[in-house]
């Protein structure tokens, strides 16, 4: 599993961004409205998520729209379940 994914998911702000994007695509401004952080801080968090391929962006006019990359999230969750289990190995 890509270490970038673990780094990205280790931060509470980035996990909250993932939760927001579960609701649907959003611009950086729409995401930033949910935080007290400055816009550049949110942009840095979005870049970490993009580098981990957890989110993808697409320019639409003057906006950049961010969406979840559900394939990577599913792979990450499958890896977590495989290695840290759903209780099958509990004694």
Protein backbone atom coordinates (compact mmCIF):
# COMPACT_ATOMS: atom_id res chain seq x y z
CA UNK A 1 0.00 0.00 0.00
CA UNK A 2 1.26 3.44 -0.94
CA UNK A 3 2.78 5.31 2.02
CA UNK A 4 1.34 8.57 0.66
CA UNK A 5 -2.14 7.23 1.42
CA UNK A 6 -1.24 6.58 5.06
CA UNK A 7 0.34 10.01 5.39
CA UNK A 8 -2.70 11.64 3.84
CA UNK A 9 -5.15 9.77 6.07
CA UNK A 10 -3.13 10.42 9.25
CA UNK A 11 -4.32 14.03 9.44
CA UNK A 12 -7.72 14.95 10.87
CA UNK A 13 -8.27 17.85 8.48
CA UNK A 14 -7.65 15.62 5.47
CA UNK A 15 -10.00 12.96 6.85
CA UNK A 16 -12.65 15.67 7.24
CA UNK A 17 -12.07 16.75 3.61
CA UNK A 18 -12.61 13.12 2.55
CA UNK A 19 -15.86 13.10 4.54
CA UNK A 20 -16.99 16.32 2.85
CA UNK A 21 -16.21 14.93 -0.59
CA UNK A 22 -18.28 11.81 0.17
CA UNK A 23 -21.27 14.16 -0.16
CA UNK A 24 -20.19 15.07 -3.70
CA UNK A 25 -17.70 17.17 -5.66
CA UNK A 26 -16.71 20.53 -4.23
CA UNK A 27 -14.50 23.51 -5.04
CA UNK A 28 -11.59 24.40 -2.76
CA UNK A 29 -13.62 27.37 -1.52
CA UNK A 30 -16.58 25.18 -0.62
CA UNK A 31 -14.23 22.86 1.27
CA UNK A 32 -12.46 25.75 2.99
CA UNK A 33 -15.79 27.11 4.27
CA UNK A 34 -15.95 24.13 6.66
CA UNK A 35 -12.66 25.02 8.38
CA UNK A 36 -11.11 27.88 10.29
CA UNK A 37 -7.84 27.34 8.38
CA UNK A 38 -6.66 29.83 5.75
CA UNK A 39 -7.30 28.93 2.09
CA UNK A 40 -3.58 28.17 1.42
CA UNK A 41 -3.61 25.62 4.26
CA UNK A 42 -6.61 23.84 2.73
CA UNK A 43 -4.87 23.92 -0.66
CA UNK A 44 -1.84 22.19 0.88
CA UNK A 45 -4.10 19.52 2.39
CA UNK A 46 -5.79 19.04 -0.99
CA UNK A 47 -2.38 18.64 -2.63
CA UNK A 48 -1.43 15.91 -0.16
CA UNK A 49 -4.70 14.13 -0.94
CA UNK A 50 -4.08 14.54 -4.69
CA UNK A 51 -0.51 13.20 -4.39
CA UNK A 52 -1.93 10.14 -2.65
CA UNK A 53 -4.51 9.81 -5.47
CA UNK A 54 -7.32 9.98 -2.92
CA UNK A 55 -8.86 12.96 -4.70
CA UNK A 56 -8.83 14.08 -8.31
CA UNK A 57 -9.37 17.57 -9.60
CA UNK A 58 -10.87 18.90 -12.80
CA UNK A 59 -11.04 22.45 -14.07
CA UNK A 60 -14.55 23.63 -14.85
CA UNK A 61 -14.47 27.21 -16.07
CA UNK A 62 -12.69 29.29 -13.44
CA UNK A 63 -13.14 26.64 -10.75
CA UNK A 64 -11.25 23.50 -9.85
CA UNK A 65 -13.63 20.79 -8.71
CA UNK A 66 -12.37 18.11 -6.31
CA UNK A 67 -13.81 14.60 -6.25
CA UNK A 68 -13.01 11.43 -4.33
CA UNK A 69 -11.05 8.74 -6.11
CA UNK A 70 -13.13 5.90 -4.73
CA UNK A 71 -10.92 3.23 -6.30
CA UNK A 72 -7.95 4.19 -4.12
CA UNK A 73 -10.17 4.47 -1.04
CA UNK A 74 -11.57 1.00 -1.66
CA UNK A 75 -8.07 -0.44 -2.12
CA UNK A 76 -6.90 1.25 1.08
CA UNK A 77 -9.87 -0.02 3.09
CA UNK A 78 -9.40 -3.53 1.70
CA UNK A 79 -5.73 -3.43 2.70
CA UNK A 80 -6.64 -2.25 6.22
CA UNK A 81 -9.21 -5.00 6.64
CA UNK A 82 -6.79 -7.62 5.34
CA UNK A 83 -4.01 -6.56 7.68
CA UNK A 84 -5.93 -5.37 10.72
CA UNK A 85 -8.99 -7.48 10.21
CA UNK A 86 -12.61 -7.51 11.00
CA UNK A 87 -12.14 -9.66 14.08
CA UNK A 88 -11.67 -13.02 12.35
CA UNK A 89 -8.29 -13.46 14.04
CA UNK A 90 -9.42 -12.32 17.48
CA UNK A 91 -8.97 -14.82 20.27
